[in-house]
Amino acid sequence: EEAVIDNAYITQGAVILGEVKNSVIGTGVEVGRGAKVIDSVIQPGAKIGEGAKVTRCIVADDVEVAPGAVLGSADSENIELVAKKYAE
């Protein structure tokens, strides 16, 4: 009930406690409280930490995005690939 979801595809087993907009969320993904995922693809098993902001990114399988991290940019012409196991 805390989730804010707008124009998103979310597969089974995902836990959304933050905001997801114009994005695709894979199986087993966790989006923490206060986190925002915008214009992105989050691959299976990835975890987006509390308060993190992920914009115009592809987050690879099982990657953990640190709480409060800011990845990508709304005004970027590129889509950022986040493939490190722990992204800050």
N, C-alpha and C. Protein backbone atom coordinates (compact mmCIF):
# COMPACT_ATOMS: atom_id res chain seq x y z
N GLU A 1 0.81 -1.21 0.00
CA GLU A 1 0.00 0.00 0.00
C GLU A 1 0.85 1.28 0.00
N GLU A 2 2.14 1.17 0.29
CA GLU A 2 3.03 2.33 0.23
C GLU A 2 3.48 2.65 -1.18
N ALA A 3 3.36 1.68 -2.08
CA ALA A 3 3.88 1.82 -3.44
C ALA A 3 3.12 2.86 -4.25
N VAL A 4 3.89 3.54 -5.12
CA VAL A 4 3.32 4.43 -6.12
C VAL A 4 3.77 3.87 -7.46
N ILE A 5 2.81 3.41 -8.26
CA ILE A 5 3.15 2.75 -9.52
C ILE A 5 2.40 3.42 -10.66
N ASP A 6 3.14 3.81 -11.71
CA ASP A 6 2.55 4.48 -12.86
C ASP A 6 3.17 3.93 -14.14
N ASN A 7 2.36 3.31 -14.98
CA ASN A 7 2.81 2.83 -16.28
C ASN A 7 4.03 1.91 -16.16
N ALA A 8 3.87 0.82 -15.40
CA ALA A 8 4.98 -0.10 -15.16
C ALA A 8 4.54 -1.54 -15.35
N TYR A 9 5.50 -2.39 -15.76
CA TYR A 9 5.29 -3.83 -15.82
C TYR A 9 6.07 -4.44 -14.67
N ILE A 10 5.37 -5.13 -13.79
CA ILE A 10 5.99 -5.70 -12.60
C ILE A 10 5.67 -7.18 -12.55
N THR A 11 6.69 -8.02 -12.47
CA THR A 11 6.47 -9.46 -12.47
C THR A 11 6.26 -9.98 -11.06
N GLN A 12 5.84 -11.25 -10.98
CA GLN A 12 5.57 -11.89 -9.70
C GLN A 12 6.79 -11.86 -8.80
N GLY A 13 6.52 -11.75 -7.52
CA GLY A 13 7.58 -11.84 -6.54
C GLY A 13 8.33 -10.55 -6.28
N ALA A 14 7.99 -9.48 -6.99
CA ALA A 14 8.64 -8.19 -6.74
C ALA A 14 7.99 -7.52 -5.53
N VAL A 15 8.80 -6.81 -4.75
CA VAL A 15 8.30 -6.08 -3.59
C VAL A 15 8.58 -4.60 -3.83
N ILE A 16 7.53 -3.81 -3.94
CA ILE A 16 7.67 -2.39 -4.23
C ILE A 16 7.19 -1.59 -3.03
N LEU A 17 8.10 -0.87 -2.38
CA LEU A 17 7.75 -0.01 -1.25
C LEU A 17 7.95 1.46 -1.60
N GLY A 18 8.50 1.72 -2.78
CA GLY A 18 8.77 3.08 -3.23
C GLY A 18 7.92 3.43 -4.44
N GLU A 19 8.53 4.16 -5.38
CA GLU A 19 7.83 4.63 -6.57
C GLU A 19 8.45 4.01 -7.83
N VAL A 20 7.59 3.54 -8.74
CA VAL A 20 8.04 2.98 -10.01
C VAL A 20 7.22 3.64 -11.11
N LYS A 21 7.93 4.24 -12.09
CA LYS A 21 7.25 4.96 -13.16
C LYS A 21 7.90 4.62 -14.50
N ASN A 22 7.07 4.27 -15.50
CA ASN A 22 7.56 3.98 -16.86
C ASN A 22 8.72 2.99 -16.85
N SER A 23 8.57 1.89 -16.11
CA SER A 23 9.67 0.95 -15.94
C SER A 23 9.20 -0.50 -16.02
N VAL A 24 10.18 -1.40 -16.12
CA VAL A 24 9.94 -2.84 -16.10
C VAL A 24 10.70 -3.41 -14.91
N ILE A 25 9.99 -4.17 -14.07
CA ILE A 25 10.57 -4.72 -12.85
C ILE A 25 10.53 -6.24 -12.92
N GLY A 26 11.70 -6.88 -12.76
CA GLY A 26 11.81 -8.33 -12.86
C GLY A 26 11.43 -9.07 -11.59
N THR A 27 11.44 -10.39 -11.69
CA THR A 27 11.09 -11.28 -10.59
C THR A 27 12.05 -11.11 -9.42
N GLY A 28 11.51 -11.05 -8.22
CA GLY A 28 12.32 -10.99 -7.01
C GLY A 28 12.99 -9.66 -6.74
N VAL A 29 12.65 -8.64 -7.50
CA VAL A 29 13.23 -7.31 -7.28
C VAL A 29 12.63 -6.70 -6.02
N GLU A 30 13.46 -5.95 -5.29
CA GLU A 30 12.99 -5.20 -4.12
C GLU A 30 13.29 -3.73 -4.34
N VAL A 31 12.26 -2.89 -4.22
CA VAL A 31 12.42 -1.44 -4.30
C VAL A 31 12.08 -0.91 -2.91
N GLY A 32 13.09 -0.35 -2.24
CA GLY A 32 12.94 0.08 -0.85
C GLY A 32 12.07 1.31 -0.66
N ARG A 33 11.74 1.58 0.58
CA ARG A 33 10.94 2.75 0.94
C ARG A 33 11.60 4.03 0.47
N GLY A 34 10.80 4.88 -0.15
CA GLY A 34 11.30 6.16 -0.60
C GLY A 34 12.15 6.11 -1.85
N ALA A 35 12.42 4.92 -2.37
CA ALA A 35 13.22 4.78 -3.60
C ALA A 35 12.36 5.12 -4.81
N LYS A 36 13.01 5.61 -5.87
CA LYS A 36 12.32 5.93 -7.11
C LYS A 36 13.01 5.22 -8.27
N VAL A 37 12.22 4.55 -9.08
CA VAL A 37 12.71 3.90 -10.29
C VAL A 37 11.93 4.51 -11.45
N ILE A 38 12.62 5.24 -12.31
CA ILE A 38 11.95 5.98 -13.38
C ILE A 38 12.61 5.65 -14.72
N ASP A 39 11.78 5.33 -15.71
CA ASP A 39 12.27 5.05 -17.08
C ASP A 39 13.41 4.03 -17.09
N SER A 40 13.25 2.94 -16.34
CA SER A 40 14.34 1.97 -16.17
C SER A 40 13.86 0.53 -16.30
N VAL A 41 14.83 -0.37 -16.45
CA VAL A 41 14.57 -1.81 -16.43
C VAL A 41 15.40 -2.39 -15.29
N ILE A 42 14.72 -3.06 -14.37
CA ILE A 42 15.40 -3.66 -13.23
C ILE A 42 15.30 -5.18 -13.40
N GLN A 43 16.45 -5.81 -13.59
CA GLN A 43 16.52 -7.25 -13.88
C GLN A 43 16.25 -8.08 -12.62
N PRO A 44 15.93 -9.37 -12.77
CA PRO A 44 15.58 -10.22 -11.63
C PRO A 44 16.62 -10.22 -10.51
N GLY A 45 16.09 -10.20 -9.28
CA GLY A 45 16.92 -10.30 -8.09
C GLY A 45 17.62 -9.04 -7.65
N ALA A 46 17.49 -7.96 -8.40
CA ALA A 46 18.15 -6.70 -8.01
C ALA A 46 17.44 -6.08 -6.81
N LYS A 47 18.18 -5.30 -6.05
CA LYS A 47 17.63 -4.62 -4.88
C LYS A 47 17.96 -3.14 -4.97
N ILE A 48 16.93 -2.31 -4.86
CA ILE A 48 17.10 -0.86 -4.89
C ILE A 48 16.90 -0.37 -3.46
N GLY A 49 17.97 0.16 -2.86
CA GLY A 49 17.95 0.55 -1.45
C GLY A 49 17.02 1.72 -1.15
N GLU A 50 16.69 1.86 0.12
CA GLU A 50 15.82 2.95 0.57
C GLU A 50 16.34 4.29 0.10
N GLY A 51 15.44 5.11 -0.44
CA GLY A 51 15.78 6.46 -0.83
C GLY A 51 16.64 6.58 -2.09
N ALA A 52 16.98 5.47 -2.71
CA ALA A 52 17.79 5.52 -3.94
C ALA A 52 16.94 6.04 -5.09
N LYS A 53 17.61 6.63 -6.10
CA LYS A 53 16.90 7.11 -7.28
C LYS A 53 17.61 6.54 -8.51
N VAL A 54 16.85 5.77 -9.30
CA VAL A 54 17.38 5.13 -10.49
C VAL A 54 16.58 5.65 -11.68
N THR A 55 17.25 6.37 -12.58
CA THR A 55 16.57 6.99 -13.72
C THR A 55 17.30 6.64 -15.02
N ARG A 56 16.56 6.17 -16.01
CA ARG A 56 17.10 5.82 -17.33
C ARG A 56 18.28 4.85 -17.21
N CYS A 57 18.03 3.75 -16.47
CA CYS A 57 19.07 2.74 -16.24
C CYS A 57 18.55 1.34 -16.54
N ILE A 58 19.49 0.46 -16.84
CA ILE A 58 19.24 -0.97 -16.82
C ILE A 58 20.09 -1.50 -15.68
N VAL A 59 19.43 -2.06 -14.67
CA VAL A 59 20.14 -2.61 -13.52
C VAL A 59 20.18 -4.13 -13.70
N ALA A 60 21.39 -4.68 -13.77
CA ALA A 60 21.59 -6.10 -14.07
C ALA A 60 21.11 -7.00 -12.93
N ASP A 61 21.01 -8.30 -13.25
CA ASP A 61 20.57 -9.32 -12.28
C ASP A 61 21.37 -9.23 -10.99
N ASP A 62 20.66 -9.31 -9.87
CA ASP A 62 21.24 -9.44 -8.53
C ASP A 62 22.10 -8.26 -8.08
N VAL A 63 22.06 -7.14 -8.77
CA VAL A 63 22.81 -5.95 -8.35
C VAL A 63 22.10 -5.31 -7.16
N GLU A 64 22.86 -4.84 -6.19
CA GLU A 64 22.30 -4.13 -5.06
C GLU A 64 22.68 -2.65 -5.17
N VAL A 65 21.69 -1.79 -5.27
CA VAL A 65 21.91 -0.35 -5.32
C VAL A 65 21.84 0.17 -3.89
N ALA A 66 22.87 0.89 -3.48
CA ALA A 66 22.98 1.37 -2.10
C ALA A 66 21.85 2.32 -1.74
N PRO A 67 21.44 2.31 -0.46
CA PRO A 67 20.45 3.28 -0.01
C PRO A 67 20.94 4.70 -0.29
N GLY A 68 20.04 5.52 -0.83
CA GLY A 68 20.36 6.91 -1.11
C GLY A 68 21.16 7.16 -2.38
N ALA A 69 21.55 6.11 -3.08
CA ALA A 69 22.34 6.27 -4.31
C ALA A 69 21.51 6.97 -5.38
N VAL A 70 22.18 7.72 -6.25
CA VAL A 70 21.53 8.37 -7.39
C VAL A 70 22.23 7.87 -8.65
N LEU A 71 21.49 7.12 -9.47
CA LEU A 71 22.05 6.54 -10.69
C LEU A 71 21.26 7.02 -11.89
N GLY A 72 21.96 7.46 -12.92
CA GLY A 72 21.31 7.93 -14.14
C GLY A 72 20.78 9.34 -14.01
N SER A 73 20.21 9.83 -15.13
CA SER A 73 19.72 11.20 -15.16
C SER A 73 18.57 11.31 -16.16
N ALA A 74 17.55 12.04 -15.80
CA ALA A 74 16.38 12.21 -16.67
C ALA A 74 16.72 12.93 -17.96
N ASP A 75 17.71 13.81 -17.95
CA ASP A 75 18.05 14.58 -19.15
C ASP A 75 19.18 13.97 -19.99
N SER A 76 19.60 12.77 -19.63
CA SER A 76 20.65 12.09 -20.38
C SER A 76 20.09 11.49 -21.66
N GLU A 77 20.88 11.54 -22.73
CA GLU A 77 20.50 10.90 -23.99
C GLU A 77 20.80 9.40 -23.94
N ASN A 78 21.59 8.98 -22.98
CA ASN A 78 22.03 7.59 -22.87
C ASN A 78 21.27 6.86 -21.77
N ILE A 79 21.28 5.53 -21.88
CA ILE A 79 20.74 4.69 -20.82
C ILE A 79 21.94 4.05 -20.15
N GLU A 80 22.02 4.18 -18.84
CA GLU A 80 23.17 3.69 -18.09
C GLU A 80 22.97 2.23 -17.72
N LEU A 81 24.01 1.41 -17.92
CA LEU A 81 23.99 0.01 -17.49
C LEU A 81 24.67 -0.08 -16.14
N VAL A 82 23.97 -0.62 -15.17
CA VAL A 82 24.51 -0.79 -13.82
C VAL A 82 24.73 -2.28 -13.63
N ALA A 83 25.99 -2.69 -13.66
CA ALA A 83 26.31 -4.11 -13.63
C ALA A 83 27.18 -4.51 -12.44
N LYS A 84 27.61 -3.55 -11.63
CA LYS A 84 28.40 -3.88 -10.45
C LYS A 84 27.51 -4.54 -9.42
N LYS A 85 28.06 -5.43 -8.63
CA LYS A 85 27.26 -6.13 -7.63
C LYS A 85 26.69 -5.18 -6.57
N TYR A 86 27.43 -4.10 -6.27
CA TYR A 86 26.94 -3.15 -5.27
C TYR A 86 27.20 -1.75 -5.81
N ALA A 87 26.19 -1.07 -6.22
CA ALA A 87 26.33 0.26 -6.83
C ALA A 87 26.02 1.34 -5.81
N GLU A 88 26.92 2.31 -5.73
CA GLU A 88 26.72 3.43 -4.80
C GLU A 88 26.42 4.69 -5.54
